[in-house]
Amino acid sequence: MSTESLNRTSVEIENPSQVTEAPQRVNVDVLKQRLLEEKKKEKIKRTIIVSSVVASLGVLTFLTY
């Protein structure tokens, strides 16, 4: 074996901390806030759809008489 290959492997072994990263922590409060915002958006969408259906039915019944 040449000394170059030994030097290369020793450098890789000496610095494994540079390659691996520390695991990131998850903030539960942020996840809960995102979930609440998502539910709020879904509720608004549902309300818009239901109100548009009711308004459409009202207009159709008004036009038929």
PDB file of N, CA and C in Angstrom:
ATOM      1  N   MET A   1       0.830  -1.176   0.000  1.00  0.00           N
ATOM      2  CA  MET A   1       0.000   0.000   0.000  1.00  0.00           C
ATOM      3  C   MET A   1       0.876   1.242   0.000  1.00  0.00           C
ATOM      4  N   SER A   2       0.369   2.228  -0.666  1.00  0.00           N
ATOM      5  CA  SER A   2       1.131   3.467  -0.686  1.00  0.00           C
ATOM      6  C   SER A   2       0.723   4.336   0.501  1.00  0.00           C
ATOM      7  N   THR A   3       1.550   5.273   0.818  1.00  0.00           N
ATOM      8  CA  THR A   3       1.259   6.157   1.955  1.00  0.00           C
ATOM      9  C   THR A   3       0.133   7.132   1.617  1.00  0.00           C
ATOM     10  N   GLU A   4      -0.051   7.398   0.314  1.00  0.00           N
ATOM     11  CA  GLU A   4      -1.138   8.298  -0.061  1.00  0.00           C
ATOM     12  C   GLU A   4      -2.500   7.706   0.291  1.00  0.00           C
ATOM     13  N   SER A   5      -2.682   6.430   0.017  1.00  0.00           N
ATOM     14  CA  SER A   5      -3.969   5.812   0.328  1.00  0.00           C
ATOM     15  C   SER A   5      -4.173   5.735   1.836  1.00  0.00           C
ATOM     16  N   LEU A   6      -3.133   5.518   2.588  1.00  0.00           N
ATOM     17  CA  LEU A   6      -3.263   5.503   4.045  1.00  0.00           C
ATOM     18  C   LEU A   6      -3.604   6.895   4.578  1.00  0.00           C
ATOM     19  N   ASN A   7      -2.973   7.899   4.017  1.00  0.00           N
ATOM     20  CA  ASN A   7      -3.260   9.262   4.463  1.00  0.00           C
ATOM     21  C   ASN A   7      -4.699   9.653   4.134  1.00  0.00           C
ATOM     22  N   ARG A   8      -5.176   9.248   2.975  1.00  0.00           N
ATOM     23  CA  ARG A   8      -6.533   9.577   2.576  1.00  0.00           C
ATOM     24  C   ARG A   8      -7.556   8.945   3.514  1.00  0.00           C
ATOM     25  N   THR A   9      -7.382   7.687   3.849  1.00  0.00           N
ATOM     26  CA  THR A   9      -8.335   7.022   4.733  1.00  0.00           C
ATOM     27  C   THR A   9      -8.248   7.556   6.145  1.00  0.00           C
ATOM     28  N   SER A  10      -7.082   7.927   6.592  1.00  0.00           N
ATOM     29  CA  SER A  10      -6.964   8.451   7.943  1.00  0.00           C
ATOM     30  C   SER A  10      -7.640   9.811   8.058  1.00  0.00           C
ATOM     31  N   VAL A  11      -7.607  10.598   6.998  1.00  0.00           N
ATOM     32  CA  VAL A  11      -8.273  11.888   7.023  1.00  0.00           C
ATOM     33  C   VAL A  11      -9.782  11.693   7.082  1.00  0.00           C
ATOM     34  N   GLU A  12     -10.299  10.728   6.355  1.00  0.00           N
ATOM     35  CA  GLU A  12     -11.730  10.457   6.366  1.00  0.00           C
ATOM     36  C   GLU A  12     -12.182   9.947   7.725  1.00  0.00           C
ATOM     37  N   ILE A  13     -11.375   9.168   8.386  1.00  0.00           N
ATOM     38  CA  ILE A  13     -11.745   8.622   9.678  1.00  0.00           C
ATOM     39  C   ILE A  13     -11.635   9.680  10.772  1.00  0.00           C
ATOM     40  N   GLU A  14     -10.703  10.576  10.636  1.00  0.00           N
ATOM     41  CA  GLU A  14     -10.504  11.583  11.671  1.00  0.00           C
ATOM     42  C   GLU A  14     -11.641  12.599  11.732  1.00  0.00           C
ATOM     43  N   ASN A  15     -12.313  12.852  10.648  1.00  0.00           N
ATOM     44  CA  ASN A  15     -13.320  13.903  10.599  1.00  0.00           C
ATOM     45  C   ASN A  15     -14.732  13.381  10.313  1.00  0.00           C
ATOM     46  N   PRO A  16     -15.218  12.374  11.017  1.00  0.00           N
ATOM     47  CA  PRO A  16     -16.577  11.926  10.722  1.00  0.00           C
ATOM     48  C   PRO A  16     -17.643  12.901  11.238  1.00  0.00           C
ATOM     49  N   SER A  17     -17.286  13.738  12.198  1.00  0.00           N
ATOM     50  CA  SER A  17     -18.271  14.672  12.749  1.00  0.00           C
ATOM     51  C   SER A  17     -18.654  15.751  11.743  1.00  0.00           C
ATOM     52  N   GLN A  18     -17.813  16.020  10.788  1.00  0.00           N
ATOM     53  CA  GLN A  18     -18.130  17.030   9.796  1.00  0.00           C
ATOM     54  C   GLN A  18     -19.188  16.527   8.812  1.00  0.00           C
ATOM     55  N   VAL A  19     -19.212  15.240   8.597  1.00  0.00           N
ATOM     56  CA  VAL A  19     -20.149  14.672   7.638  1.00  0.00           C
ATOM     57  C   VAL A  19     -21.535  14.518   8.264  1.00  0.00           C
ATOM     58  N   THR A  20     -21.599  14.020   9.482  1.00  0.00           N
ATOM     59  CA  THR A  20     -22.892  13.797  10.122  1.00  0.00           C
ATOM     60  C   THR A  20     -23.348  15.076  10.816  1.00  0.00           C
ATOM     61  N   GLU A  21     -24.665  15.281  10.806  1.00  0.00           N
ATOM     62  CA  GLU A  21     -25.227  16.453  11.454  1.00  0.00           C
ATOM     63  C   GLU A  21     -26.006  16.008  12.687  1.00  0.00           C
ATOM     64  N   ALA A  22     -26.139  16.886  13.621  1.00  0.00           N
ATOM     65  CA  ALA A  22     -26.920  16.589  14.814  1.00  0.00           C
ATOM     66  C   ALA A  22     -28.397  16.532  14.423  1.00  0.00           C
ATOM     67  N   PRO A  23     -29.174  15.640  15.031  1.00  0.00           N
ATOM     68  CA  PRO A  23     -30.594  15.554  14.687  1.00  0.00           C
ATOM     69  C   PRO A  23     -31.316  16.838  15.107  1.00  0.00           C
ATOM     70  N   GLN A  24     -32.234  17.271  14.265  1.00  0.00           N
ATOM     71  CA  GLN A  24     -32.956  18.494  14.546  1.00  0.00           C
ATOM     72  C   GLN A  24     -34.126  18.198  15.468  1.00  0.00           C
ATOM     73  N   ARG A  25     -34.399  19.143  16.339  1.00  0.00           N
ATOM     74  CA  ARG A  25     -35.515  18.965  17.262  1.00  0.00           C
ATOM     75  C   ARG A  25     -36.789  19.481  16.611  1.00  0.00           C
ATOM     76  N   VAL A  26     -37.883  18.864  16.995  1.00  0.00           N
ATOM     77  CA  VAL A  26     -39.182  19.242  16.451  1.00  0.00           C
ATOM     78  C   VAL A  26     -39.916  20.041  17.523  1.00  0.00           C
ATOM     79  N   ASN A  27     -40.373  21.224  17.146  1.00  0.00           N
ATOM     80  CA  ASN A  27     -41.131  22.042  18.067  1.00  0.00           C
ATOM     81  C   ASN A  27     -42.612  21.693  17.921  1.00  0.00           C
ATOM     82  N   VAL A  28     -43.176  21.122  18.967  1.00  0.00           N
ATOM     83  CA  VAL A  28     -44.547  20.638  18.924  1.00  0.00           C
ATOM     84  C   VAL A  28     -45.527  21.804  18.801  1.00  0.00           C
ATOM     85  N   ASP A  29     -45.210  22.923  19.448  1.00  0.00           N
ATOM     86  CA  ASP A  29     -46.108  24.072  19.381  1.00  0.00           C
ATOM     87  C   ASP A  29     -46.249  24.590  17.960  1.00  0.00           C
ATOM     88  N   VAL A  30     -45.165  24.577  17.213  1.00  0.00           N
ATOM     89  CA  VAL A  30     -45.214  25.023  15.819  1.00  0.00           C
ATOM     90  C   VAL A  30     -46.081  24.069  15.000  1.00  0.00           C
ATOM     91  N   LEU A  31     -45.942  22.785  15.239  1.00  0.00           N
ATOM     92  CA  LEU A  31     -46.748  21.800  14.508  1.00  0.00           C
ATOM     93  C   LEU A  31     -48.230  21.945  14.849  1.00  0.00           C
ATOM     94  N   LYS A  32     -48.534  22.190  16.117  1.00  0.00           N
ATOM     95  CA  LYS A  32     -49.928  22.393  16.504  1.00  0.00           C
ATOM     96  C   LYS A  32     -50.491  23.641  15.845  1.00  0.00           C
ATOM     97  N   GLN A  33     -49.701  24.703  15.795  1.00  0.00           N
ATOM     98  CA  GLN A  33     -50.158  25.938  15.175  1.00  0.00           C
ATOM     99  C   GLN A  33     -50.430  25.739  13.691  1.00  0.00           C
ATOM    100  N   ARG A  34     -49.547  25.008  13.013  1.00  0.00           N
ATOM    101  CA  ARG A  34     -49.764  24.711  11.592  1.00  0.00           C
ATOM    102  C   ARG A  34     -51.032  23.896  11.394  1.00  0.00           C
ATOM    103  N   LEU A  35     -51.272  22.937  12.276  1.00  0.00           N
ATOM    104  CA  LEU A  35     -52.463  22.104  12.174  1.00  0.00           C
ATOM    105  C   LEU A  35     -53.721  22.942  12.374  1.00  0.00           C
ATOM    106  N   LEU A  36     -53.698  23.854  13.343  1.00  0.00           N
ATOM    107  CA  LEU A  36     -54.850  24.721  13.565  1.00  0.00           C
ATOM    108  C   LEU A  36     -55.105  25.635  12.372  1.00  0.00           C
ATOM    109  N   GLU A  37     -54.043  26.161  11.775  1.00  0.00           N
ATOM    110  CA  GLU A  37     -54.201  27.013  10.595  1.00  0.00           C
ATOM    111  C   GLU A  37     -54.772  26.234   9.422  1.00  0.00           C
ATOM    112  N   GLU A  38     -54.330  24.996   9.277  1.00  0.00           N
ATOM    113  CA  GLU A  38     -54.836  24.152   8.193  1.00  0.00           C
ATOM    114  C   GLU A  38     -56.319  23.848   8.385  1.00  0.00           C
ATOM    115  N   LYS A  39     -56.710  23.540   9.623  1.00  0.00           N
ATOM    116  CA  LYS A  39     -58.123  23.276   9.906  1.00  0.00           C
ATOM    117  C   LYS A  39     -58.962  24.526   9.672  1.00  0.00           C
ATOM    118  N   LYS A  40     -58.421  25.670  10.019  1.00  0.00           N
ATOM    119  CA  LYS A  40     -59.135  26.929   9.828  1.00  0.00           C
ATOM    120  C   LYS A  40     -59.380  27.191   8.340  1.00  0.00           C
ATOM    121  N   LYS A  41     -58.362  26.941   7.518  1.00  0.00           N
ATOM    122  CA  LYS A  41     -58.505  27.119   6.068  1.00  0.00           C
ATOM    123  C   LYS A  41     -59.542  26.158   5.506  1.00  0.00           C
ATOM    124  N   GLU A  42     -59.523  24.901   5.971  1.00  0.00           N
ATOM    125  CA  GLU A  42     -60.497  23.919   5.498  1.00  0.00           C
ATOM    126  C   GLU A  42     -61.913  24.335   5.886  1.00  0.00           C
ATOM    127  N   LYS A  43     -62.075  24.884   7.090  1.00  0.00           N
ATOM    128  CA  LYS A  43     -63.394  25.317   7.542  1.00  0.00           C
ATOM    129  C   LYS A  43     -63.897  26.475   6.689  1.00  0.00           C
ATOM    130  N   ILE A  44     -63.005  27.387   6.351  1.00  0.00           N
ATOM    131  CA  ILE A  44     -63.389  28.519   5.497  1.00  0.00           C
ATOM    132  C   ILE A  44     -63.799  28.024   4.113  1.00  0.00           C
ATOM    133  N   LYS A  45     -63.035  27.095   3.553  1.00  0.00           N
ATOM    134  CA  LYS A  45     -63.377  26.537   2.242  1.00  0.00           C
ATOM    135  C   LYS A  45     -64.741  25.860   2.277  1.00  0.00           C
ATOM    136  N   ARG A  46     -64.981  25.080   3.325  1.00  0.00           N
ATOM    137  CA  ARG A  46     -66.246  24.363   3.454  1.00  0.00           C
ATOM    138  C   ARG A  46     -67.402  25.346   3.576  1.00  0.00           C
ATOM    139  N   THR A  47     -67.201  26.408   4.345  1.00  0.00           N
ATOM    140  CA  THR A  47     -68.245  27.418   4.514  1.00  0.00           C
ATOM    141  C   THR A  47     -68.561  28.108   3.197  1.00  0.00           C
ATOM    142  N   ILE A  48     -67.533  28.425   2.433  1.00  0.00           N
ATOM    143  CA  ILE A  48     -67.736  29.072   1.134  1.00  0.00           C
ATOM    144  C   ILE A  48     -68.504  28.162   0.188  1.00  0.00           C
ATOM    145  N   ILE A  49     -68.150  26.896   0.165  1.00  0.00           N
ATOM    146  CA  ILE A  49     -68.827  25.948  -0.726  1.00  0.00           C
ATOM    147  C   ILE A  49     -70.296  25.794  -0.341  1.00  0.00           C
ATOM    148  N   VAL A  50     -70.570  25.616   0.953  1.00  0.00           N
ATOM    149  CA  VAL A  50     -71.943  25.422   1.403  1.00  0.00           C
ATOM    150  C   VAL A  50     -72.771  26.674   1.143  1.00  0.00           C
ATOM    151  N   SER A  51     -72.205  27.839   1.426  1.00  0.00           N
ATOM    152  CA  SER A  51     -72.971  29.074   1.208  1.00  0.00           C
ATOM    153  C   SER A  51     -73.224  29.325  -0.276  1.00  0.00           C
ATOM    154  N   SER A  52     -72.275  28.960  -1.128  1.00  0.00           N
ATOM    155  CA  SER A  52     -72.507  29.140  -2.565  1.00  0.00           C
ATOM    156  C   SER A  52     -73.574  28.172  -3.072  1.00  0.00           C
ATOM    157  N   VAL A  53     -73.609  26.963  -2.541  1.00  0.00           N
ATOM    158  CA  VAL A  53     -74.649  26.014  -2.936  1.00  0.00           C
ATOM    159  C   VAL A  53     -76.023  26.515  -2.486  1.00  0.00           C
ATOM    160  N   VAL A  54     -76.111  27.005  -1.261  1.00  0.00           N
ATOM    161  CA  VAL A  54     -77.386  27.517  -0.750  1.00  0.00           C
ATOM    162  C   VAL A  54     -77.819  28.734  -1.554  1.00  0.00           C
ATOM    163  N   ALA A  55     -76.888  29.629  -1.860  1.00  0.00           N
ATOM    164  CA  ALA A  55     -77.221  30.819  -2.648  1.00  0.00           C
ATOM    165  C   ALA A  55     -77.682  30.417  -4.050  1.00  0.00           C
ATOM    166  N   SER A  56     -77.025  29.434  -4.643  1.00  0.00           N
ATOM    167  CA  SER A  56     -77.421  28.971  -5.980  1.00  0.00           C
ATOM    168  C   SER A  56     -78.831  28.395  -5.956  1.00  0.00           C
ATOM    169  N   LEU A  57     -79.126  27.594  -4.944  1.00  0.00           N
ATOM    170  CA  LEU A  57     -80.478  27.034  -4.833  1.00  0.00           C
ATOM    171  C   LEU A  57     -81.504  28.131  -4.627  1.00  0.00           C
ATOM    172  N   GLY A  58     -81.163  29.145  -3.836  1.00  0.00           N
ATOM    173  CA  GLY A  58     -82.074  30.260  -3.619  1.00  0.00           C
ATOM    174  C   GLY A  58     -82.344  31.024  -4.907  1.00  0.00           C
ATOM    175  N   VAL A  59     -81.301  31.265  -5.690  1.00  0.00           N
ATOM    176  CA  VAL A  59     -81.466  31.979  -6.958  1.00  0.00           C
ATOM    177  C   VAL A  59     -82.297  31.139  -7.928  1.00  0.00           C
ATOM    178  N   LEU A  60     -82.053  29.849  -7.994  1.00  0.00           N
ATOM    179  CA  LEU A  60     -82.820  28.986  -8.894  1.00  0.00           C
ATOM    180  C   LEU A  60     -84.292  28.928  -8.519  1.00  0.00           C
ATOM    181  N   THR A  61     -84.571  28.845  -7.216  1.00  0.00           N
ATOM    182  CA  THR A  61     -85.975  28.809  -6.814  1.00  0.00           C
ATOM    183  C   THR A  61     -86.638  30.150  -7.071  1.00  0.00           C
ATOM    184  N   PHE A  62     -85.911  31.234  -6.924  1.00  0.00           N
ATOM    185  CA  PHE A  62     -86.463  32.563  -7.204  1.00  0.00           C
ATOM    186  C   PHE A  62     -86.760  32.736  -8.688  1.00  0.00           C
ATOM    187  N   LEU A  63     -85.869  32.201  -9.526  1.00  0.00           N
ATOM    188  CA  LEU A  63     -86.051  32.339 -10.982  1.00  0.00           C
ATOM    189  C   LEU A  63     -87.169  31.443 -11.500  1.00  0.00           C
ATOM    190  N   THR A  64     -87.457  30.331 -10.839  1.00  0.00           N
ATOM    191  CA  THR A  64     -88.491  29.429 -11.343  1.00  0.00           C
ATOM    192  C   THR A  64     -89.891  29.961 -11.049  1.00  0.00           C
ATOM    193  N   TYR A  65     -90.080  30.860 -10.073  1.00  0.00           N
ATOM    194  CA  TYR A  65     -91.414  31.377  -9.769  1.00  0.00           C
ATOM    195  C   TYR A  65     -91.711  32.586 -10.521  1.00  0.00           C
TER     196      TYR A  65
END
